[in-house]
């Protein structure tokens, strides 16, 4: 392996090694409390990454593309539930549902692909 992780699996492996080393090499070995603390640390690190990096990125993309309209989301979810096994996605004009922001005037439509 090079000096830094090159793939998500490499990063996962490095994090796993750090956590296992911390859990087993702090004296006293494995315990539920230590394992629960390790899970809490991982969760906190995940939330901190989301707060500092992912959320600002999402805000930028929302500014560029507009927010997802509730009616559009409901329509797509309904179609996915209805046709989840044989959905082929195409696009068509939105019709009466008006998108917000600079989002394009398209909606997903679903057809059986059989």
C-alpha atoms as a PDB file:
ATOM      1  CA  UNK A   1       0.000   0.000   0.000  1.00  0.00           C
ATOM      2  CA  UNK A   2       1.215   3.498  -0.765  1.00  0.00           C
ATOM      3  CA  UNK A   3       1.375   6.353   1.765  1.00  0.00           C
ATOM      4  CA  UNK A   4      -2.399   7.001   1.730  1.00  0.00           C
ATOM      5  CA  UNK A   5      -5.554   5.060   1.063  1.00  0.00           C
ATOM      6  CA  UNK A   6      -6.315   4.757  -2.645  1.00  0.00           C
ATOM      7  CA  UNK A   7      -9.722   3.082  -2.423  1.00  0.00           C
ATOM      8  CA  UNK A   8     -12.660   3.070   0.013  1.00  0.00           C
ATOM      9  CA  UNK A   9     -11.699  -0.450   1.091  1.00  0.00           C
ATOM     10  CA  UNK A  10      -8.207   0.739   2.015  1.00  0.00           C
ATOM     11  CA  UNK A  11      -9.615   3.554   4.132  1.00  0.00           C
ATOM     12  CA  UNK A  12     -12.050   1.144   5.804  1.00  0.00           C
ATOM     13  CA  UNK A  13      -9.165  -1.211   6.571  1.00  0.00           C
ATOM     14  CA  UNK A  14      -7.050   1.558   8.098  1.00  0.00           C
ATOM     15  CA  UNK A  15      -9.908   2.787  10.286  1.00  0.00           C
ATOM     16  CA  UNK A  16     -10.726  -0.789  11.329  1.00  0.00           C
ATOM     17  CA  UNK A  17      -7.095  -1.385  12.346  1.00  0.00           C
ATOM     18  CA  UNK A  18      -7.024   1.789  14.435  1.00  0.00           C
ATOM     19  CA  UNK A  19     -10.262   0.879  16.212  1.00  0.00           C
ATOM     20  CA  UNK A  20      -9.282  -2.747  16.872  1.00  0.00           C
ATOM     21  CA  UNK A  21      -5.893  -1.653  18.199  1.00  0.00           C
ATOM     22  CA  UNK A  22      -7.556   0.893  20.490  1.00  0.00           C
ATOM     23  CA  UNK A  23     -10.136  -1.607  21.781  1.00  0.00           C
ATOM     24  CA  UNK A  24      -7.713  -4.468  22.478  1.00  0.00           C
ATOM     25  CA  UNK A  25      -4.527  -2.632  23.463  1.00  0.00           C
ATOM     26  CA  UNK A  26      -5.703  -0.177  26.092  1.00  0.00           C
ATOM     27  CA  UNK A  27      -5.339  -2.722  28.889  1.00  0.00           C
ATOM     28  CA  UNK A  28      -8.098  -5.036  30.006  1.00  0.00           C
ATOM     29  CA  UNK A  29      -8.889  -6.378  26.537  1.00  0.00           C
ATOM     30  CA  UNK A  30     -12.278  -6.415  24.870  1.00  0.00           C
ATOM     31  CA  UNK A  31     -15.327  -5.275  26.792  1.00  0.00           C
ATOM     32  CA  UNK A  32     -18.801  -4.156  25.812  1.00  0.00           C
ATOM     33  CA  UNK A  33     -18.086  -0.693  27.214  1.00  0.00           C
ATOM     34  CA  UNK A  34     -14.898  -0.282  25.198  1.00  0.00           C
ATOM     35  CA  UNK A  35     -16.599  -1.561  22.032  1.00  0.00           C
ATOM     36  CA  UNK A  36     -19.544   0.794  22.593  1.00  0.00           C
ATOM     37  CA  UNK A  37     -17.108   3.697  23.033  1.00  0.00           C
ATOM     38  CA  UNK A  38     -15.377   2.736  19.782  1.00  0.00           C
ATOM     39  CA  UNK A  39     -18.724   2.705  17.942  1.00  0.00           C
ATOM     40  CA  UNK A  40     -19.548   6.086  19.477  1.00  0.00           C
ATOM     41  CA  UNK A  41     -16.226   7.516  18.290  1.00  0.00           C
ATOM     42  CA  UNK A  42     -16.839   6.199  14.761  1.00  0.00           C
ATOM     43  CA  UNK A  43     -20.336   7.691  14.732  1.00  0.00           C
ATOM     44  CA  UNK A  44     -19.033  11.040  15.994  1.00  0.00           C
ATOM     45  CA  UNK A  45     -16.315  11.078  13.320  1.00  0.00           C
ATOM     46  CA  UNK A  46     -18.943  10.303  10.650  1.00  0.00           C
ATOM     47  CA  UNK A  47     -21.230  13.080  11.857  1.00  0.00           C
ATOM     48  CA  UNK A  48     -18.357  15.563  12.017  1.00  0.00           C
ATOM     49  CA  UNK A  49     -17.300  14.718   8.460  1.00  0.00           C
ATOM     50  CA  UNK A  50     -20.887  15.190   7.258  1.00  0.00           C
ATOM     51  CA  UNK A  51     -21.253  18.489   9.124  1.00  0.00           C
ATOM     52  CA  UNK A  52     -17.996  20.001   7.855  1.00  0.00           C
ATOM     53  CA  UNK A  53     -17.738  18.552   4.345  1.00  0.00           C
ATOM     54  CA  UNK A  54     -20.853  16.829   3.013  1.00  0.00           C
ATOM     55  CA  UNK A  55     -23.481  19.336   4.167  1.00  0.00           C
ATOM     56  CA  UNK A  56     -21.706  22.371   2.620  1.00  0.00           C
ATOM     57  CA  UNK A  57     -21.316  20.419  -0.636  1.00  0.00           C
ATOM     58  CA  UNK A  58     -25.045  19.582  -0.599  1.00  0.00           C
ATOM     59  CA  UNK A  59     -25.844  23.270  -0.026  1.00  0.00           C
ATOM     60  CA  UNK A  60     -23.793  24.216  -3.096  1.00  0.00           C
ATOM     61  CA  UNK A  61     -25.526  21.598  -5.250  1.00  0.00           C
ATOM     62  CA  UNK A  62     -28.955  22.677  -4.001  1.00  0.00           C
ATOM     63  CA  UNK A  63     -28.100  26.249  -4.997  1.00  0.00           C
ATOM     64  CA  UNK A  64     -27.091  25.057  -8.455  1.00  0.00           C
ATOM     65  CA  UNK A  65     -29.959  22.619  -9.056  1.00  0.00           C
ATOM     66  CA  UNK A  66     -32.740  23.728  -6.709  1.00  0.00           C
ATOM     67  CA  UNK A  67     -34.317  21.762  -3.905  1.00  0.00           C
ATOM     68  CA  UNK A  68     -36.225  18.545  -4.581  1.00  0.00           C
ATOM     69  CA  UNK A  69     -39.896  19.409  -4.851  1.00  0.00           C
ATOM     70  CA  UNK A  70     -42.112  17.389  -2.488  1.00  0.00           C
ATOM     71  CA  UNK A  71     -44.622  16.633  -5.251  1.00  0.00           C
ATOM     72  CA  UNK A  72     -41.849  15.416  -7.552  1.00  0.00           C
ATOM     73  CA  UNK A  73     -40.383  13.217  -4.808  1.00  0.00           C
ATOM     74  CA  UNK A  74     -43.814  11.769  -4.006  1.00  0.00           C
ATOM     75  CA  UNK A  75     -44.465  11.024  -7.670  1.00  0.00           C
ATOM     76  CA  UNK A  76     -41.120   9.265  -8.118  1.00  0.00           C
ATOM     77  CA  UNK A  77     -41.531   7.278  -4.878  1.00  0.00           C
ATOM     78  CA  UNK A  78     -45.043   6.199  -5.895  1.00  0.00           C
ATOM     79  CA  UNK A  79     -43.812   5.059  -9.300  1.00  0.00           C
ATOM     80  CA  UNK A  80     -40.893   3.171  -7.746  1.00  0.00           C
ATOM     81  CA  UNK A  81     -43.183   1.353  -5.336  1.00  0.00           C
ATOM     82  CA  UNK A  82     -45.613   0.538  -8.133  1.00  0.00           C
ATOM     83  CA  UNK A  83     -43.062  -0.667 -10.646  1.00  0.00           C
ATOM     84  CA  UNK A  84     -40.075  -1.604  -8.498  1.00  0.00           C
ATOM     85  CA  UNK A  85     -39.359  -4.886 -10.271  1.00  0.00           C
ATOM     86  CA  UNK A  86     -39.675  -3.758 -13.900  1.00  0.00           C
ATOM     87  CA  UNK A  87     -38.950  -0.015 -13.913  1.00  0.00           C
ATOM     88  CA  UNK A  88     -37.384   1.601 -16.956  1.00  0.00           C
ATOM     89  CA  UNK A  89     -36.835   5.290 -16.350  1.00  0.00           C
ATOM     90  CA  UNK A  90     -37.431   7.937 -18.998  1.00  0.00           C
ATOM     91  CA  UNK A  91     -38.113  11.645 -18.711  1.00  0.00           C
ATOM     92  CA  UNK A  92     -40.997  13.824 -19.845  1.00  0.00           C
ATOM     93  CA  UNK A  93     -42.190  17.382 -19.235  1.00  0.00           C
ATOM     94  CA  UNK A  94     -43.281  18.043 -15.671  1.00  0.00           C
ATOM     95  CA  UNK A  95     -46.740  19.237 -16.618  1.00  0.00           C
ATOM     96  CA  UNK A  96     -48.711  20.833 -13.756  1.00  0.00           C
ATOM     97  CA  UNK A  97     -46.018  20.334 -11.083  1.00  0.00           C
ATOM     98  CA  UNK A  98     -43.707  23.354 -10.989  1.00  0.00           C
ATOM     99  CA  UNK A  99     -40.136  22.695  -9.810  1.00  0.00           C
ATOM    100  CA  UNK A 100     -38.432  25.116  -7.417  1.00  0.00           C
ATOM    101  CA  UNK A 101     -35.093  26.810  -7.984  1.00  0.00           C
ATOM    102  CA  UNK A 102     -33.174  26.197 -11.198  1.00  0.00           C
ATOM    103  CA  UNK A 103     -34.080  22.524 -11.408  1.00  0.00           C
ATOM    104  CA  UNK A 104     -34.933  21.367 -14.918  1.00  0.00           C
ATOM    105  CA  UNK A 105     -38.565  20.921 -15.923  1.00  0.00           C
ATOM    106  CA  UNK A 106     -38.404  17.146 -16.081  1.00  0.00           C
ATOM    107  CA  UNK A 107     -39.989  14.345 -14.140  1.00  0.00           C
ATOM    108  CA  UNK A 108     -39.200  10.659 -14.062  1.00  0.00           C
ATOM    109  CA  UNK A 109     -41.704   8.381 -15.720  1.00  0.00           C
ATOM    110  CA  UNK A 110     -41.645   4.623 -15.510  1.00  0.00           C
ATOM    111  CA  UNK A 111     -42.511   1.920 -18.020  1.00  0.00           C
ATOM    112  CA  UNK A 112     -42.333  -1.833 -17.792  1.00  0.00           C
ATOM    113  CA  UNK A 113     -39.083  -2.874 -19.396  1.00  0.00           C
ATOM    114  CA  UNK A 114     -40.410  -6.292 -20.397  1.00  0.00           C
END
